[in-house]
Every structure is written in C-alpha cells, then in structure tokens.
Amino acid sequence: MTTTTFDTLRFVKTLQESGVPDIQAEAISRAFKDAQHESEFATKADIREIKSEIHALDNKIEGKFGALDSKMNLIQWVLLLIVIAIIAPQLKNLF
C-alpha cells in the first residue's frame, strides 16, 4: 500500500492564516504528519488487486461445489440402486 504526500508547509501556512500561533501550527502539522505515517490507506490499485483475488477464490469455490454436486449425485444414484437391490427380492416374495 502506498502513502500520500502531505505538504506540511502549506498546512502550517493555512493554520497561521486562520489565526493559529506559529508554534501551535507547527505542532499540529507534525502531529498530522506522524499520524499519516503510522496509518496505511488502500489505493484503487490495492482494491482492484484484492477484488481480482476474491474473484479467483470465488471461481475456485464454484468449481469445488460443482465437483461436490457431481459426487453427491453419483452417491444418490448408487444408494437408489442399493435400495432397489434390497427391496426387489422382498417384493418378489410378497407376490
């Protein structure tokens, strides 16, 4: 992630023009700059990268669910055949 630039001189001058004393304006400027260095912001490129990673994971999960669905379908048919194999002889004895 990238950091944005912070124009401390312009910030101090803006504070001074609004009536803030020089020492206080410089202290506020340093505090803002320090806070900015301690934090990271996501850029549009960072967000695009994360979106593409999420999309890739989504596709991977969809593929796995498709394979799982096929396996469950096969198990369903095998169980049906087993049930028929067990019940058919019983029905033959009834009639």
N, C-alpha and C. Protein backbone atom coordinates (compact mmCIF):
# COMPACT_ATOMS: atom_id res chain seq x y z
N MET A 1 0.83 -1.17 0.00
CA MET A 1 0.00 0.00 0.00
C MET A 1 0.88 1.24 0.00
N THR A 2 0.41 2.25 -0.67
CA THR A 2 1.21 3.46 -0.78
C THR A 2 0.69 4.53 0.18
N THR A 3 1.55 5.48 0.46
CA THR A 3 1.15 6.60 1.31
C THR A 3 1.03 7.85 0.45
N THR A 4 0.21 8.76 0.88
CA THR A 4 0.04 10.01 0.16
C THR A 4 0.99 11.05 0.74
N THR A 5 1.34 12.04 -0.08
CA THR A 5 2.24 13.09 0.40
C THR A 5 1.43 14.13 1.17
N PHE A 6 2.09 14.74 2.12
CA PHE A 6 1.44 15.73 2.98
C PHE A 6 2.31 16.98 2.98
N ASP A 7 1.77 18.08 2.47
CA ASP A 7 2.51 19.34 2.39
C ASP A 7 2.41 20.06 3.73
N THR A 8 3.43 19.85 4.57
CA THR A 8 3.40 20.43 5.93
C THR A 8 3.50 21.95 5.90
N LEU A 9 4.31 22.49 4.98
CA LEU A 9 4.47 23.95 4.92
C LEU A 9 3.14 24.62 4.57
N ARG A 10 2.46 24.07 3.59
CA ARG A 10 1.16 24.64 3.20
C ARG A 10 0.15 24.51 4.34
N PHE A 11 0.20 23.39 5.03
CA PHE A 11 -0.70 23.16 6.16
C PHE A 11 -0.44 24.18 7.27
N VAL A 12 0.84 24.39 7.58
CA VAL A 12 1.21 25.37 8.62
C VAL A 12 0.76 26.77 8.22
N LYS A 13 1.00 27.14 6.96
CA LYS A 13 0.61 28.48 6.50
C LYS A 13 -0.91 28.67 6.56
N THR A 14 -1.65 27.62 6.21
CA THR A 14 -3.12 27.70 6.29
C THR A 14 -3.57 27.92 7.73
N LEU A 15 -2.95 27.20 8.65
CA LEU A 15 -3.29 27.38 10.07
C LEU A 15 -2.92 28.78 10.55
N GLN A 16 -1.73 29.26 10.14
CA GLN A 16 -1.28 30.59 10.56
C GLN A 16 -2.21 31.67 10.02
N GLU A 17 -2.65 31.51 8.76
CA GLU A 17 -3.54 32.50 8.15
C GLU A 17 -4.89 32.54 8.85
N SER A 18 -5.27 31.45 9.49
CA SER A 18 -6.55 31.43 10.19
C SER A 18 -6.41 31.88 11.65
N GLY A 19 -5.19 32.29 12.04
CA GLY A 19 -5.00 32.85 13.36
C GLY A 19 -4.36 31.93 14.38
N VAL A 20 -3.92 30.77 13.97
CA VAL A 20 -3.27 29.83 14.90
C VAL A 20 -1.82 30.29 15.08
N PRO A 21 -1.33 30.36 16.31
CA PRO A 21 0.07 30.76 16.56
C PRO A 21 1.05 29.82 15.84
N ASP A 22 2.22 30.37 15.49
CA ASP A 22 3.23 29.61 14.72
C ASP A 22 3.60 28.29 15.37
N ILE A 23 3.93 28.33 16.65
CA ILE A 23 4.37 27.11 17.35
C ILE A 23 3.27 26.07 17.36
N GLN A 24 2.05 26.52 17.61
CA GLN A 24 0.92 25.58 17.64
C GLN A 24 0.65 25.01 16.24
N ALA A 25 0.74 25.84 15.21
CA ALA A 25 0.51 25.39 13.84
C ALA A 25 1.55 24.33 13.45
N GLU A 26 2.81 24.57 13.83
CA GLU A 26 3.86 23.59 13.51
C GLU A 26 3.65 22.29 14.27
N ALA A 27 3.21 22.38 15.53
CA ALA A 27 2.97 21.17 16.33
C ALA A 27 1.81 20.36 15.74
N ILE A 28 0.75 21.06 15.33
CA ILE A 28 -0.39 20.37 14.72
C ILE A 28 0.04 19.69 13.42
N SER A 29 0.85 20.40 12.64
CA SER A 29 1.34 19.85 11.38
C SER A 29 2.16 18.59 11.59
N ARG A 30 3.07 18.62 12.59
CA ARG A 30 3.88 17.44 12.89
C ARG A 30 3.00 16.28 13.35
N ALA A 31 2.00 16.59 14.17
CA ALA A 31 1.10 15.54 14.66
C ALA A 31 0.33 14.89 13.51
N PHE A 32 -0.14 15.70 12.57
CA PHE A 32 -0.84 15.15 11.41
C PHE A 32 0.09 14.29 10.55
N LYS A 33 1.31 14.78 10.35
CA LYS A 33 2.26 14.02 9.53
C LYS A 33 2.62 12.70 10.20
N ASP A 34 2.84 12.71 11.50
CA ASP A 34 3.15 11.48 12.23
C ASP A 34 1.98 10.50 12.15
N ALA A 35 0.78 11.00 12.31
CA ALA A 35 -0.40 10.14 12.23
C ALA A 35 -0.53 9.52 10.85
N GLN A 36 -0.21 10.32 9.84
CA GLN A 36 -0.29 9.82 8.47
C GLN A 36 0.74 8.72 8.21
N HIS A 37 1.93 8.86 8.75
CA HIS A 37 2.97 7.86 8.56
C HIS A 37 2.64 6.55 9.27
N GLU A 38 1.87 6.64 10.34
CA GLU A 38 1.53 5.45 11.10
C GLU A 38 0.37 4.68 10.49
N SER A 39 -0.36 5.30 9.59
CA SER A 39 -1.52 4.62 9.00
C SER A 39 -1.27 4.33 7.53
N GLU A 40 -1.94 3.29 7.04
CA GLU A 40 -1.84 2.95 5.63
C GLU A 40 -3.23 2.99 5.04
N PHE A 41 -3.31 3.50 3.84
CA PHE A 41 -4.59 3.57 3.14
C PHE A 41 -4.52 2.70 1.89
N ALA A 42 -5.62 2.06 1.58
CA ALA A 42 -5.68 1.25 0.38
C ALA A 42 -5.90 2.17 -0.82
N THR A 43 -5.10 1.96 -1.85
CA THR A 43 -5.27 2.72 -3.08
C THR A 43 -6.26 1.99 -3.97
N LYS A 44 -6.64 2.63 -5.06
CA LYS A 44 -7.55 1.99 -6.01
C LYS A 44 -6.91 0.73 -6.59
N ALA A 45 -5.61 0.79 -6.81
CA ALA A 45 -4.90 -0.39 -7.34
C ALA A 45 -4.92 -1.53 -6.32
N ASP A 46 -4.75 -1.20 -5.04
CA ASP A 46 -4.82 -2.23 -3.99
C ASP A 46 -6.20 -2.88 -3.97
N ILE A 47 -7.22 -2.06 -4.08
CA ILE A 47 -8.59 -2.58 -4.05
C ILE A 47 -8.86 -3.44 -5.28
N ARG A 48 -8.38 -3.01 -6.45
CA ARG A 48 -8.55 -3.82 -7.67
C ARG A 48 -7.86 -5.17 -7.52
N GLU A 49 -6.67 -5.17 -6.93
CA GLU A 49 -5.93 -6.42 -6.72
C GLU A 49 -6.70 -7.36 -5.79
N ILE A 50 -7.23 -6.82 -4.72
CA ILE A 50 -7.99 -7.64 -3.78
C ILE A 50 -9.26 -8.16 -4.44
N LYS A 51 -9.92 -7.31 -5.24
CA LYS A 51 -11.13 -7.76 -5.95
C LYS A 51 -10.81 -8.92 -6.89
N SER A 52 -9.68 -8.84 -7.58
CA SER A 52 -9.32 -9.93 -8.50
C SER A 52 -9.00 -11.20 -7.73
N GLU A 53 -8.37 -11.07 -6.57
CA GLU A 53 -8.10 -12.25 -5.74
C GLU A 53 -9.40 -12.88 -5.23
N ILE A 54 -10.34 -12.03 -4.84
CA ILE A 54 -11.64 -12.53 -4.38
C ILE A 54 -12.36 -13.23 -5.52
N HIS A 55 -12.29 -12.64 -6.71
CA HIS A 55 -12.94 -13.25 -7.88
C HIS A 55 -12.33 -14.62 -8.19
N ALA A 56 -11.01 -14.72 -8.10
CA ALA A 56 -10.34 -16.00 -8.34
C ALA A 56 -10.75 -17.04 -7.30
N LEU A 57 -10.83 -16.63 -6.04
CA LEU A 57 -11.27 -17.55 -4.98
C LEU A 57 -12.72 -17.97 -5.19
N ASP A 58 -13.55 -17.04 -5.62
CA ASP A 58 -14.95 -17.35 -5.89
C ASP A 58 -15.07 -18.40 -6.99
N ASN A 59 -14.29 -18.23 -8.05
CA ASN A 59 -14.29 -19.21 -9.14
C ASN A 59 -13.81 -20.58 -8.66
N LYS A 60 -12.80 -20.58 -7.81
CA LYS A 60 -12.27 -21.84 -7.27
C LYS A 60 -13.32 -22.54 -6.42
N ILE A 61 -14.01 -21.78 -5.59
CA ILE A 61 -15.05 -22.35 -4.74
C ILE A 61 -16.20 -22.89 -5.59
N GLU A 62 -16.59 -22.13 -6.62
CA GLU A 62 -17.66 -22.59 -7.51
C GLU A 62 -17.27 -23.92 -8.17
N GLY A 63 -16.03 -24.04 -8.58
CA GLY A 63 -15.55 -25.29 -9.18
C GLY A 63 -15.62 -26.45 -8.20
N LYS A 64 -15.23 -26.18 -6.97
CA LYS A 64 -15.27 -27.24 -5.95
C LYS A 64 -16.71 -27.65 -5.65
N PHE A 65 -17.63 -26.68 -5.60
CA PHE A 65 -19.03 -27.02 -5.37
C PHE A 65 -19.60 -27.82 -6.54
N GLY A 66 -19.17 -27.50 -7.76
CA GLY A 66 -19.62 -28.26 -8.92
C GLY A 66 -19.17 -29.71 -8.83
N ALA A 67 -17.92 -29.92 -8.45
CA ALA A 67 -17.40 -31.29 -8.30
C ALA A 67 -18.12 -32.01 -7.16
N LEU A 68 -18.37 -31.32 -6.07
CA LEU A 68 -19.07 -31.91 -4.94
C LEU A 68 -20.50 -32.28 -5.32
N ASP A 69 -21.14 -31.44 -6.09
CA ASP A 69 -22.50 -31.71 -6.54
C ASP A 69 -22.54 -32.97 -7.41
N SER A 70 -21.54 -33.12 -8.28
CA SER A 70 -21.47 -34.32 -9.13
C SER A 70 -21.29 -35.58 -8.28
N LYS A 71 -20.43 -35.50 -7.29
CA LYS A 71 -20.19 -36.66 -6.42
C LYS A 71 -21.45 -37.01 -5.63
N MET A 72 -22.14 -35.99 -5.14
CA MET A 72 -23.37 -36.25 -4.39
C MET A 72 -24.44 -36.88 -5.29
N ASN A 73 -24.50 -36.44 -6.52
CA ASN A 73 -25.45 -37.00 -7.47
C ASN A 73 -25.14 -38.48 -7.72
N LEU A 74 -23.87 -38.81 -7.87
CA LEU A 74 -23.45 -40.20 -8.07
C LEU A 74 -23.81 -41.05 -6.85
N ILE A 75 -23.54 -40.53 -5.66
CA ILE A 75 -23.87 -41.26 -4.42
C ILE A 75 -25.37 -41.49 -4.33
N GLN A 76 -26.15 -40.52 -4.72
CA GLN A 76 -27.60 -40.65 -4.70
C GLN A 76 -28.05 -41.81 -5.59
N TRP A 77 -27.48 -41.91 -6.78
CA TRP A 77 -27.87 -43.00 -7.70
C TRP A 77 -27.41 -44.36 -7.17
N VAL A 78 -26.22 -44.41 -6.60
CA VAL A 78 -25.72 -45.68 -6.05
C VAL A 78 -26.62 -46.13 -4.90
N LEU A 79 -26.99 -45.20 -4.03
CA LEU A 79 -27.89 -45.55 -2.92
C LEU A 79 -29.25 -46.01 -3.43
N LEU A 80 -29.74 -45.39 -4.47
CA LEU A 80 -31.01 -45.81 -5.06
C LEU A 80 -30.91 -47.24 -5.59
N LEU A 81 -29.80 -47.56 -6.25
CA LEU A 81 -29.61 -48.93 -6.76
C LEU A 81 -29.52 -49.93 -5.62
N ILE A 82 -28.85 -49.55 -4.54
CA ILE A 82 -28.75 -50.45 -3.37
C ILE A 82 -30.13 -50.69 -2.77
N VAL A 83 -30.92 -49.65 -2.63
CA VAL A 83 -32.27 -49.79 -2.08
C VAL A 83 -33.11 -50.68 -2.99
N ILE A 84 -33.02 -50.49 -4.29
CA ILE A 84 -33.78 -51.34 -5.23
C ILE A 84 -33.32 -52.79 -5.11
N ALA A 85 -32.01 -52.99 -5.00
CA ALA A 85 -31.48 -54.36 -4.89
C ALA A 85 -31.96 -55.04 -3.61
N ILE A 86 -32.16 -54.28 -2.57
CA ILE A 86 -32.63 -54.85 -1.30
C ILE A 86 -34.15 -55.07 -1.33
N ILE A 87 -34.89 -54.12 -1.87
CA ILE A 87 -36.35 -54.18 -1.84
C ILE A 87 -36.92 -55.11 -2.91
N ALA A 88 -36.30 -55.19 -4.07
CA ALA A 88 -36.84 -56.00 -5.17
C ALA A 88 -37.07 -57.46 -4.77
N PRO A 89 -36.11 -58.14 -4.14
CA PRO A 89 -36.37 -59.53 -3.74
C PRO A 89 -37.50 -59.63 -2.71
N GLN A 90 -37.62 -58.63 -1.84
CA GLN A 90 -38.69 -58.65 -0.85
C GLN A 90 -40.05 -58.52 -1.52
N LEU A 91 -40.13 -57.67 -2.53
CA LEU A 91 -41.39 -57.50 -3.26
C LEU A 91 -41.75 -58.78 -4.02
N LYS A 92 -40.74 -59.48 -4.53
CA LYS A 92 -40.97 -60.72 -5.27
C LYS A 92 -41.59 -61.77 -4.35
N ASN A 93 -41.16 -61.80 -3.10
CA ASN A 93 -41.70 -62.75 -2.13
C ASN A 93 -43.14 -62.43 -1.75
N LEU A 94 -43.52 -61.16 -1.80
CA LEU A 94 -44.88 -60.77 -1.45
C LEU A 94 -45.89 -61.18 -2.51
N PHE A 95 -45.49 -61.25 -3.74
CA PHE A 95 -46.42 -61.57 -4.82
C PHE A 95 -46.15 -62.92 -5.32
